PDB file of all heavy atoms in Angstrom:
ATOM      1  N   ASN A   1       0.824  -1.217   0.000  1.00  0.00           N
ATOM      2  CA  ASN A   1       0.000   0.000   0.000  1.00  0.00           C
ATOM      3  C   ASN A   1       0.856   1.264   0.000  1.00  0.00           C
ATOM      4  O   ASN A   1       0.573   2.243   0.712  1.00  0.00           O
ATOM      5  CB  ASN A   1      -0.954   0.008   1.204  1.00  0.00           C
ATOM      6  CG  ASN A   1      -1.934  -1.146   1.169  1.00  0.00           C
ATOM      7  OD1 ASN A   1      -2.382  -1.546   0.084  1.00  0.00           O
ATOM      8  ND2 ASN A   1      -2.272  -1.683   2.331  1.00  0.00           N
ATOM      9  N   GLY A   2       1.933   1.219  -0.781  1.00  0.00           N
ATOM     10  CA  GLY A   2       2.789   2.389  -0.927  1.00  0.00           C
ATOM     11  C   GLY A   2       3.752   2.625   0.213  1.00  0.00           C
ATOM     12  O   GLY A   2       4.461   3.637   0.230  1.00  0.00           O
ATOM     13  N   LYS A   3       3.805   1.707   1.173  1.00  0.00           N
ATOM     14  CA  LYS A   3       4.706   1.867   2.314  1.00  0.00           C
ATOM     15  C   LYS A   3       5.674   0.699   2.405  1.00  0.00           C
ATOM     16  O   LYS A   3       5.314  -0.438   2.094  1.00  0.00           O
ATOM     17  CB  LYS A   3       3.907   1.975   3.618  1.00  0.00           C
ATOM     18  CG  LYS A   3       3.029   3.213   3.709  1.00  0.00           C
ATOM     19  CD  LYS A   3       2.311   3.274   5.045  1.00  0.00           C
ATOM     20  CE  LYS A   3       1.448   4.528   5.154  1.00  0.00           C
ATOM     21  NZ  LYS A   3       0.731   4.579   6.458  1.00  0.00           N
ATOM     22  N   ASN A   4       6.899   0.985   2.856  1.00  0.00           N
ATOM     23  CA  ASN A   4       7.898  -0.065   3.055  1.00  0.00           C
ATOM     24  C   ASN A   4       7.668  -0.680   4.434  1.00  0.00           C
ATOM     25  O   ASN A   4       7.824  -0.006   5.456  1.00  0.00           O
ATOM     26  CB  ASN A   4       9.307   0.525   2.953  1.00  0.00           C
ATOM     27  CG  ASN A   4      10.367  -0.570   2.930  1.00  0.00           C
ATOM     28  OD1 ASN A   4      10.055  -1.728   2.690  1.00  0.00           O
ATOM     29  ND2 ASN A   4      11.610  -0.200   3.164  1.00  0.00           N
ATOM     30  N   ARG A   5       7.316  -1.959   4.470  1.00  0.00           N
ATOM     31  CA  ARG A   5       6.951  -2.613   5.725  1.00  0.00           C
ATOM     32  C   ARG A   5       7.881  -3.792   5.993  1.00  0.00           C
ATOM     33  O   ARG A   5       8.130  -4.615   5.107  1.00  0.00           O
ATOM     34  CB  ARG A   5       5.501  -3.095   5.659  1.00  0.00           C
ATOM     35  CG  ARG A   5       5.019  -3.756   6.937  1.00  0.00           C
ATOM     36  CD  ARG A   5       3.602  -4.240   6.763  1.00  0.00           C
ATOM     37  NE  ARG A   5       3.171  -5.042   7.898  1.00  0.00           N
ATOM     38  CZ  ARG A   5       2.074  -5.782   7.918  1.00  0.00           C
ATOM     39  NH1 ARG A   5       1.280  -5.818   6.850  1.00  0.00           N
ATOM     40  NH2 ARG A   5       1.743  -6.490   8.978  1.00  0.00           N
ATOM     41  N   THR A   6       8.415  -3.851   7.209  1.00  0.00           N
ATOM     42  CA  THR A   6       9.256  -4.980   7.610  1.00  0.00           C
ATOM     43  C   THR A   6       8.370  -6.131   8.052  1.00  0.00           C
ATOM     44  O   THR A   6       7.634  -6.018   9.037  1.00  0.00           O
ATOM     45  CB  THR A   6      10.191  -4.580   8.769  1.00  0.00           C
ATOM     46  OG1 THR A   6      11.027  -3.501   8.349  1.00  0.00           O
ATOM     47  CG2 THR A   6      11.071  -5.755   9.184  1.00  0.00           C
ATOM     48  N   LEU A   7       8.454  -7.246   7.334  1.00  0.00           N
ATOM     49  CA  LEU A   7       7.630  -8.413   7.670  1.00  0.00           C
ATOM     50  C   LEU A   7       8.306  -9.296   8.699  1.00  0.00           C
ATOM     51  O   LEU A   7       7.659  -9.841   9.587  1.00  0.00           O
ATOM     52  CB  LEU A   7       7.333  -9.219   6.400  1.00  0.00           C
ATOM     53  CG  LEU A   7       6.615  -8.455   5.281  1.00  0.00           C
ATOM     54  CD1 LEU A   7       6.322  -9.394   4.119  1.00  0.00           C
ATOM     55  CD2 LEU A   7       5.333  -7.810   5.807  1.00  0.00           C
ATOM     56  N   TYR A   8       9.627  -9.451   8.567  1.00  0.00           N
ATOM     57  CA  TYR A   8      10.366 -10.216   9.578  1.00  0.00           C
ATOM     58  C   TYR A   8      11.839  -9.871   9.457  1.00  0.00           C
ATOM     59  O   TYR A   8      12.399  -9.834   8.353  1.00  0.00           O
ATOM     60  CB  TYR A   8      10.170 -11.723   9.397  1.00  0.00           C
ATOM     61  CG  TYR A   8      10.858 -12.541  10.484  1.00  0.00           C
ATOM     62  CD1 TYR A   8      10.416 -12.477  11.803  1.00  0.00           C
ATOM     63  CD2 TYR A   8      11.956 -13.345  10.198  1.00  0.00           C
ATOM     64  CE1 TYR A   8      11.038 -13.204  12.807  1.00  0.00           C
ATOM     65  CE2 TYR A   8      12.582 -14.083  11.197  1.00  0.00           C
ATOM     66  CZ  TYR A   8      12.123 -14.005  12.498  1.00  0.00           C
ATOM     67  OH  TYR A   8      12.741 -14.714  13.489  1.00  0.00           O
ATOM     68  N   LEU A   9      12.488  -9.618  10.602  1.00  0.00           N
ATOM     69  CA  LEU A   9      13.914  -9.300  10.628  1.00  0.00           C
ATOM     70  C   LEU A   9      14.542 -10.029  11.814  1.00  0.00           C
ATOM     71  O   LEU A   9      14.354  -9.644  12.969  1.00  0.00           O
ATOM     72  CB  LEU A   9      14.122  -7.787  10.760  1.00  0.00           C
ATOM     73  CG  LEU A   9      15.540  -7.284  10.542  1.00  0.00           C
ATOM     74  CD1 LEU A   9      15.990  -7.534   9.110  1.00  0.00           C
ATOM     75  CD2 LEU A   9      15.632  -5.791  10.847  1.00  0.00           C
ATOM     76  N   PRO A  10      15.291 -11.113  11.561  1.00  0.00           N
ATOM     77  CA  PRO A  10      15.779 -11.960  12.657  1.00  0.00           C
ATOM     78  C   PRO A  10      17.023 -11.443  13.365  1.00  0.00           C
ATOM     79  O   PRO A  10      17.344 -11.915  14.456  1.00  0.00           O
ATOM     80  CB  PRO A  10      16.090 -13.288  11.945  1.00  0.00           C
ATOM     81  CG  PRO A  10      16.470 -12.885  10.561  1.00  0.00           C
ATOM     82  CD  PRO A  10      15.616 -11.684  10.237  1.00  0.00           C
ATOM     83  N   HIS A  11      17.734 -10.465  12.773  1.00  0.00           N
ATOM     84  CA  HIS A  11      19.057 -10.122  13.294  1.00  0.00           C
ATOM     85  C   HIS A  11      19.043  -9.035  14.373  1.00  0.00           C
ATOM     86  O   HIS A  11      20.033  -8.867  15.077  1.00  0.00           O
ATOM     87  CB  HIS A  11      19.963  -9.672  12.136  1.00  0.00           C
ATOM     88  CG  HIS A  11      20.002 -10.655  11.005  1.00  0.00           C
ATOM     89  ND1 HIS A  11      20.470 -11.937  11.158  1.00  0.00           N
ATOM     90  CD2 HIS A  11      19.607 -10.549   9.713  1.00  0.00           C
ATOM     91  CE1 HIS A  11      20.377 -12.579  10.008  1.00  0.00           C
ATOM     92  NE2 HIS A  11      19.844 -11.774   9.116  1.00  0.00           N
ATOM     93  N   VAL A  12      17.958  -8.304  14.485  1.00  0.00           N
ATOM     94  CA  VAL A  12      17.843  -7.275  15.521  1.00  0.00           C
ATOM     95  C   VAL A  12      16.783  -7.732  16.519  1.00  0.00           C
ATOM     96  O   VAL A  12      15.615  -7.892  16.158  1.00  0.00           O
ATOM     97  CB  VAL A  12      17.466  -5.908  14.908  1.00  0.00           C
ATOM     98  CG1 VAL A  12      17.388  -4.851  16.000  1.00  0.00           C
ATOM     99  CG2 VAL A  12      18.472  -5.511  13.830  1.00  0.00           C
ATOM    100  N   ALA A  13      17.200  -7.968  17.752  1.00  0.00           N
ATOM    101  CA  ALA A  13      16.326  -8.604  18.741  1.00  0.00           C
ATOM    102  C   ALA A  13      15.006  -7.864  18.918  1.00  0.00           C
ATOM    103  O   ALA A  13      13.935  -8.481  18.970  1.00  0.00           O
ATOM    104  CB  ALA A  13      17.054  -8.710  20.082  1.00  0.00           C
ATOM    105  N   SER A  14      15.050  -6.544  19.010  1.00  0.00           N
ATOM    106  CA  SER A  14      13.821  -5.783  19.257  1.00  0.00           C
ATOM    107  C   SER A  14      12.853  -5.889  18.077  1.00  0.00           C
ATOM    108  O   SER A  14      11.645  -6.050  18.268  1.00  0.00           O
ATOM    109  CB  SER A  14      14.170  -4.314  19.531  1.00  0.00           C
ATOM    110  OG  SER A  14      14.880  -3.755  18.430  1.00  0.00           O
ATOM    111  N   ILE A  15      13.400  -5.820  16.844  1.00  0.00           N
ATOM    112  CA  ILE A  15      12.541  -5.915  15.662  1.00  0.00           C
ATOM    113  C   ILE A  15      12.061  -7.348  15.463  1.00  0.00           C
ATOM    114  O   ILE A  15      10.916  -7.580  15.049  1.00  0.00           O
ATOM    115  CB  ILE A  15      13.295  -5.415  14.405  1.00  0.00           C
ATOM    116  CG1 ILE A  15      13.739  -3.964  14.611  1.00  0.00           C
ATOM    117  CG2 ILE A  15      12.420  -5.547  13.162  1.00  0.00           C
ATOM    118  CD1 ILE A  15      14.508  -3.395  13.441  1.00  0.00           C
ATOM    119  N   GLU A  16      12.914  -8.318  15.788  1.00  0.00           N
ATOM    120  CA  GLU A  16      12.510  -9.721  15.676  1.00  0.00           C
ATOM    121  C   GLU A  16      11.314  -9.985  16.578  1.00  0.00           C
ATOM    122  O   GLU A  16      10.363 -10.670  16.181  1.00  0.00           O
ATOM    123  CB  GLU A  16      13.676 -10.630  16.050  1.00  0.00           C
ATOM    124  CG  GLU A  16      13.505 -12.094  15.665  1.00  0.00           C
ATOM    125  CD  GLU A  16      12.629 -12.885  16.624  1.00  0.00           C
ATOM    126  OE1 GLU A  16      12.581 -12.506  17.819  1.00  0.00           O
ATOM    127  OE2 GLU A  16      12.001 -13.874  16.205  1.00  0.00           O
ATOM    128  N   ALA A  17      11.339  -9.456  17.800  1.00  0.00           N
ATOM    129  CA  ALA A  17      10.229  -9.661  18.737  1.00  0.00           C
ATOM    130  C   ALA A  17       8.944  -9.023  18.210  1.00  0.00           C
ATOM    131  O   ALA A  17       7.850  -9.582  18.353  1.00  0.00           O
ATOM    132  CB  ALA A  17      10.595  -9.082  20.103  1.00  0.00           C
ATOM    133  N   GLN A  18       9.078  -7.852  17.580  1.00  0.00           N
ATOM    134  CA  GLN A  18       7.896  -7.146  17.067  1.00  0.00           C
ATOM    135  C   GLN A  18       7.307  -7.836  15.840  1.00  0.00           C
ATOM    136  O   GLN A  18       6.098  -7.733  15.590  1.00  0.00           O
ATOM    137  CB  GLN A  18       8.265  -5.709  16.703  1.00  0.00           C
ATOM    138  CG  GLN A  18       8.664  -4.854  17.893  1.00  0.00           C
ATOM    139  CD  GLN A  18       9.147  -3.475  17.461  1.00  0.00           C
ATOM    140  OE1 GLN A  18       8.817  -3.000  16.377  1.00  0.00           O
ATOM    141  NE2 GLN A  18       9.934  -2.833  18.308  1.00  0.00           N
ATOM    142  N   THR A  19       8.125  -8.499  15.051  1.00  0.00           N
ATOM    143  CA  THR A  19       7.656  -9.096  13.793  1.00  0.00           C
ATOM    144  C   THR A  19       7.465 -10.607  13.884  1.00  0.00           C
ATOM    145  O   THR A  19       7.075 -11.232  12.900  1.00  0.00           O
ATOM    146  CB  THR A  19       8.648  -8.786  12.654  1.00  0.00           C
ATOM    147  OG1 THR A  19       9.961  -9.279  13.016  1.00  0.00           O
ATOM    148  CG2 THR A  19       8.742  -7.290  12.406  1.00  0.00           C
ATOM    149  N   ARG A  20       7.721 -11.195  15.036  1.00  0.00           N
ATOM    150  CA  ARG A  20       7.648 -12.659  15.186  1.00  0.00           C
ATOM    151  C   ARG A  20       6.250 -13.194  14.889  1.00  0.00           C
ATOM    152  O   ARG A  20       6.099 -14.268  14.293  1.00  0.00           O
ATOM    153  CB  ARG A  20       8.080 -13.054  16.594  1.00  0.00           C
ATOM    154  CG  ARG A  20       8.311 -14.556  16.785  1.00  0.00           C
ATOM    155  CD  ARG A  20       8.716 -14.822  18.224  1.00  0.00           C
ATOM    156  NE  ARG A  20       9.897 -14.056  18.588  1.00  0.00           N
ATOM    157  CZ  ARG A  20      10.191 -13.676  19.831  1.00  0.00           C
ATOM    158  NH1 ARG A  20       9.354 -13.957  20.825  1.00  0.00           N
ATOM    159  NH2 ARG A  20      11.289 -12.994  20.078  1.00  0.00           N
ATOM    160  N   ASP A  21       5.229 -12.461  15.274  1.00  0.00           N
ATOM    161  CA  ASP A  21       3.857 -12.927  15.042  1.00  0.00           C
ATOM    162  C   ASP A  21       3.534 -13.046  13.553  1.00  0.00           C
ATOM    163  O   ASP A  21       2.639 -13.809  13.162  1.00  0.00           O
ATOM    164  CB  ASP A  21       2.856 -11.978  15.710  1.00  0.00           C
ATOM    165  CG  ASP A  21       2.871 -12.099  17.234  1.00  0.00           C
ATOM    166  OD1 ASP A  21       3.400 -13.115  17.729  1.00  0.00           O
ATOM    167  OD2 ASP A  21       2.389 -11.170  17.909  1.00  0.00           O
ATOM    168  N   ASN A  22       4.249 -12.299  12.714  1.00  0.00           N
ATOM    169  CA  ASN A  22       3.990 -12.365  11.269  1.00  0.00           C
ATOM    170  C   ASN A  22       4.321 -13.735  10.690  1.00  0.00           C
ATOM    171  O   ASN A  22       3.789 -14.110   9.633  1.00  0.00           O
ATOM    172  CB  ASN A  22       4.804 -11.301  10.531  1.00  0.00           C
ATOM    173  CG  ASN A  22       4.279  -9.896  10.777  1.00  0.00           C
ATOM    174  OD1 ASN A  22       3.140  -9.721  11.190  1.00  0.00           O
ATOM    175  ND2 ASN A  22       5.117  -8.899  10.537  1.00  0.00           N
ATOM    176  N   LEU A  23       5.196 -14.483  11.356  1.00  0.00           N
ATOM    177  CA  LEU A  23       5.583 -15.795  10.851  1.00  0.00           C
ATOM    178  C   LEU A  23       4.390 -16.738  10.763  1.00  0.00           C
ATOM    179  O   LEU A  23       4.366 -17.644   9.915  1.00  0.00           O
ATOM    180  CB  LEU A  23       6.671 -16.408  11.746  1.00  0.00           C
ATOM    181  CG  LEU A  23       8.016 -15.667  11.796  1.00  0.00           C
ATOM    182  CD1 LEU A  23       8.926 -16.320  12.836  1.00  0.00           C
ATOM    183  CD2 LEU A  23       8.688 -15.666  10.429  1.00  0.00           C
ATOM    184  N   LYS A  24       3.398 -16.529  11.612  1.00  0.00           N
ATOM    185  CA  LYS A  24       2.227 -17.401  11.636  1.00  0.00           C
ATOM    186  C   LYS A  24       1.145 -16.961  10.650  1.00  0.00           C
ATOM    187  O   LYS A  24       0.174 -17.681  10.426  1.00  0.00           O
ATOM    188  CB  LYS A  24       1.634 -17.442  13.053  1.00  0.00           C
ATOM    189  CG  LYS A  24       2.619 -17.885  14.123  1.00  0.00           C
ATOM    190  CD  LYS A  24       2.013 -17.763  15.512  1.00  0.00           C
ATOM    191  CE  LYS A  24       3.016 -18.101  16.603  1.00  0.00           C
ATOM    192  NZ  LYS A  24       2.447 -17.916  17.966  1.00  0.00           N
ATOM    193  N   LYS A  25       1.316 -15.784  10.079  1.00  0.00           N
ATOM    194  CA  LYS A  25       0.300 -15.251   9.160  1.00  0.00           C
ATOM    195  C   LYS A  25       0.605 -15.672   7.729  1.00  0.00           C
ATOM    196  O   LYS A  25       1.746 -15.930   7.361  1.00  0.00           O
ATOM    197  CB  LYS A  25       0.270 -13.722   9.247  1.00  0.00           C
ATOM    198  CG  LYS A  25      -0.117 -13.193  10.612  1.00  0.00           C
ATOM    199  CD  LYS A  25      -0.100 -11.671  10.621  1.00  0.00           C
ATOM    200  CE  LYS A  25      -0.470 -11.127  12.002  1.00  0.00           C
ATOM    201  NZ  LYS A  25      -0.419  -9.639  12.036  1.00  0.00           N
ATOM    202  N   THR A  26      -0.455 -15.738   6.910  1.00  0.00           N
ATOM    203  CA  THR A  26      -0.259 -16.053   5.492  1.00  0.00           C
ATOM    204  C   THR A  26       0.212 -14.793   4.765  1.00  0.00           C
ATOM    205  O   THR A  26       0.020 -13.671   5.258  1.00  0.00           O
ATOM    206  CB  THR A  26      -1.557 -16.558   4.857  1.00  0.00           C
ATOM    207  OG1 THR A  26      -2.521 -15.491   4.853  1.00  0.00           O
ATOM    208  CG2 THR A  26      -2.110 -17.751   5.634  1.00  0.00           C
ATOM    209  N   VAL A  27       0.788 -14.992   3.593  1.00  0.00           N
ATOM    210  CA  VAL A  27       1.254 -13.828   2.837  1.00  0.00           C
ATOM    211  C   VAL A  27       0.078 -12.951   2.423  1.00  0.00           C
ATOM    212  O   VAL A  27       0.218 -11.720   2.303  1.00  0.00           O
ATOM    213  CB  VAL A  27       2.083 -14.270   1.608  1.00  0.00           C
ATOM    214  CG1 VAL A  27       3.345 -14.985   2.030  1.00  0.00           C
ATOM    215  CG2 VAL A  27       1.263 -15.134   0.658  1.00  0.00           C
ATOM    216  N   ALA A  28      -1.084 -13.580   2.200  1.00  0.00           N
ATOM    217  CA  ALA A  28      -2.274 -12.793   1.854  1.00  0.00           C
ATOM    218  C   ALA A  28      -2.695 -11.924   3.026  1.00  0.00           C
ATOM    219  O   ALA A  28      -3.062 -10.754   2.851  1.00  0.00           O
ATOM    220  CB  ALA A  28      -3.412 -13.715   1.429  1.00  0.00           C
ATOM    221  N   GLU A  29      -2.661 -12.473   4.237  1.00  0.00           N
ATOM    222  CA  GLU A  29      -3.010 -11.703   5.432  1.00  0.00           C
ATOM    223  C   GLU A  29      -2.046 -10.543   5.647  1.00  0.00           C
ATOM    224  O   GLU A  29      -2.415  -9.513   6.215  1.00  0.00           O
ATOM    225  CB  GLU A  29      -3.015 -12.619   6.661  1.00  0.00           C
ATOM    226  CG  GLU A  29      -4.156 -13.624   6.688  1.00  0.00           C
ATOM    227  CD  GLU A  29      -4.031 -14.628   7.812  1.00  0.00           C
ATOM    228  OE1 GLU A  29      -2.896 -14.807   8.339  1.00  0.00           O
ATOM    229  OE2 GLU A  29      -5.047 -15.234   8.180  1.00  0.00           O
ATOM    230  N   LEU A  30      -0.813 -10.690   5.179  1.00  0.00           N
ATOM    231  CA  LEU A  30       0.182  -9.629   5.325  1.00  0.00           C
ATOM    232  C   LEU A  30       0.061  -8.568   4.226  1.00  0.00           C
ATOM    233  O   LEU A  30       0.789  -7.576   4.242  1.00  0.00           O
ATOM    234  CB  LEU A  30       1.591 -10.230   5.310  1.00  0.00           C
ATOM    235  CG  LEU A  30       1.946 -11.118   6.507  1.00  0.00           C
ATOM    236  CD1 LEU A  30       3.254 -11.848   6.260  1.00  0.00           C
ATOM    237  CD2 LEU A  30       2.040 -10.282   7.780  1.00  0.00           C
ATOM    238  N   GLY A  31      -0.853  -8.793   3.277  1.00  0.00           N
ATOM    239  CA  GLY A  31      -1.084  -7.808   2.231  1.00  0.00           C
ATOM    240  C   GLY A  31      -0.339  -8.071   0.936  1.00  0.00           C
ATOM    241  O   GLY A  31      -0.336  -7.227   0.037  1.00  0.00           O
ATOM    242  N   LEU A  32       0.275  -9.252   0.806  1.00  0.00           N
ATOM    243  CA  LEU A  32       1.014  -9.584  -0.413  1.00  0.00           C
ATOM    244  C   LEU A  32       0.098 -10.284  -1.405  1.00  0.00           C
ATOM    245  O   LEU A  32      -0.731 -11.108  -1.023  1.00  0.00           O
ATOM    246  CB  LEU A  32       2.211 -10.489  -0.079  1.00  0.00           C
ATOM    247  CG  LEU A  32       3.283  -9.874   0.824  1.00  0.00           C
ATOM    248  CD1 LEU A  32       4.323 -10.923   1.191  1.00  0.00           C
ATOM    249  CD2 LEU A  32       3.941  -8.685   0.147  1.00  0.00           C
ATOM    250  N   GLU A  33       0.270  -9.942  -2.673  1.00  0.00           N
ATOM    251  CA  GLU A  33      -0.566 -10.507  -3.725  1.00  0.00           C
ATOM    252  C   GLU A  33       0.311 -11.123  -4.813  1.00  0.00           C
ATOM    253  O   GLU A  33       1.542 -11.008  -4.775  1.00  0.00           O
ATOM    254  CB  GLU A  33      -1.441  -9.404  -4.338  1.00  0.00           C
ATOM    255  CG  GLU A  33      -2.321  -8.684  -3.331  1.00  0.00           C
ATOM    256  CD  GLU A  33      -3.006  -7.490  -3.948  1.00  0.00           C
ATOM    257  OE1 GLU A  33      -2.537  -7.041  -5.028  1.00  0.00           O
ATOM    258  OE2 GLU A  33      -3.982  -6.998  -3.365  1.00  0.00           O
ATOM    259  N   ASN A  34      -0.342 -11.771  -5.768  1.00  0.00           N
ATOM    260  CA  ASN A  34       0.386 -12.294  -6.916  1.00  0.00           C
ATOM    261  C   ASN A  34       1.048 -11.128  -7.660  1.00  0.00           C
ATOM    262  O   ASN A  34       0.397 -10.162  -8.053  1.00  0.00           O
ATOM    263  CB  ASN A  34      -0.572 -13.023  -7.855  1.00  0.00           C
ATOM    264  CG  ASN A  34       0.150 -13.706  -8.998  1.00  0.00           C
ATOM    265  OD1 ASN A  34       1.114 -14.427  -8.775  1.00  0.00           O
ATOM    266  ND2 ASN A  34      -0.303 -13.459 -10.226  1.00  0.00           N
ATOM    267  N   GLY A  35       2.397 -11.188  -7.806  1.00  0.00           N
ATOM    268  CA  GLY A  35       3.137 -10.102  -8.441  1.00  0.00           C
ATOM    269  C   GLY A  35       3.724  -9.107  -7.467  1.00  0.00           C
ATOM    270  O   GLY A  35       4.463  -8.201  -7.876  1.00  0.00           O
ATOM    271  N   SER A  36       3.429  -9.254  -6.164  1.00  0.00           N
ATOM    272  CA  SER A  36       3.997  -8.338  -5.174  1.00  0.00           C
ATOM    273  C   SER A  36       5.513  -8.472  -5.128  1.00  0.00           C
ATOM    274  O   SER A  36       6.084  -9.529  -5.391  1.00  0.00           O
ATOM    275  CB  SER A  36       3.420  -8.631  -3.786  1.00  0.00           C
ATOM    276  OG  SER A  36       2.072  -8.278  -3.699  1.00  0.00           O
ATOM    277  N   GLU A  37       6.156  -7.383  -4.773  1.00  0.00           N
ATOM    278  CA  GLU A  37       7.609  -7.336  -4.714  1.00  0.00           C
ATOM    279  C   GLU A  37       8.059  -7.407  -3.257  1.00  0.00           C
ATOM    280  O   GLU A  37       7.569  -6.666  -2.408  1.00  0.00           O
ATOM    281  CB  GLU A  37       8.098  -6.032  -5.346  1.00  0.00           C
ATOM    282  CG  GLU A  37       9.556  -6.018  -5.718  1.00  0.00           C
ATOM    283  CD  GLU A  37       9.934  -4.756  -6.467  1.00  0.00           C
ATOM    284  OE1 GLU A  37      10.087  -3.709  -5.814  1.00  0.00           O
ATOM    285  OE2 GLU A  37      10.065  -4.803  -7.708  1.00  0.00           O
ATOM    286  N   ILE A  38       8.986  -8.336  -2.969  1.00  0.00           N
ATOM    287  CA  ILE A  38       9.547  -8.422  -1.625  1.00  0.00           C
ATOM    288  C   ILE A  38      11.065  -8.265  -1.707  1.00  0.00           C
ATOM    289  O   ILE A  38      11.698  -8.634  -2.697  1.00  0.00           O
ATOM    290  CB  ILE A  38       9.198  -9.759  -0.927  1.00  0.00           C
ATOM    291  CG1 ILE A  38       9.799 -10.957  -1.676  1.00  0.00           C
ATOM    292  CG2 ILE A  38       7.704  -9.912  -0.757  1.00  0.00           C
ATOM    293  CD1 ILE A  38       9.665 -12.268  -0.914  1.00  0.00           C
ATOM    294  N   MET A  39      11.655  -7.693  -0.663  1.00  0.00           N
ATOM    295  CA  MET A  39      13.096  -7.517  -0.576  1.00  0.00           C
ATOM    296  C   MET A  39      13.637  -8.448   0.509  1.00  0.00           C
ATOM    297  O   MET A  39      13.155  -8.424   1.649  1.00  0.00           O
ATOM    298  CB  MET A  39      13.445  -6.068  -0.239  1.00  0.00           C
ATOM    299  CG  MET A  39      13.288  -5.100  -1.409  1.00  0.00           C
ATOM    300  SD  MET A  39      11.564  -4.858  -1.915  1.00  0.00           S
ATOM    301  CE  MET A  39      10.954  -3.864  -0.555  1.00  0.00           C
ATOM    302  N   VAL A  40      14.617  -9.268   0.149  1.00  0.00           N
ATOM    303  CA  VAL A  40      15.154 -10.274   1.057  1.00  0.00           C
ATOM    304  C   VAL A  40      16.624  -9.982   1.333  1.00  0.00           C
ATOM    305  O   VAL A  40      17.438  -9.881   0.405  1.00  0.00           O
ATOM    306  CB  VAL A  40      15.006 -11.698   0.472  1.00  0.00           C
ATOM    307  CG1 VAL A  40      15.545 -12.725   1.458  1.00  0.00           C
ATOM    308  CG2 VAL A  40      13.549 -11.988   0.137  1.00  0.00           C
TER     309      VAL A  40
END
C-alpha cells in the first residue's frame, strides 16, 4: 500500500520480537498478492 513494511527481521532482537507474530500469518493476510515485490 505504498509503504515499506518490515515483515520479519531476525538479526535485531527488538525488531525480531515485534515481527515474530507475522511468521504465523499467510502472505495474503500480510497484504502480499500475486506479483507483489519483496526484498530479502
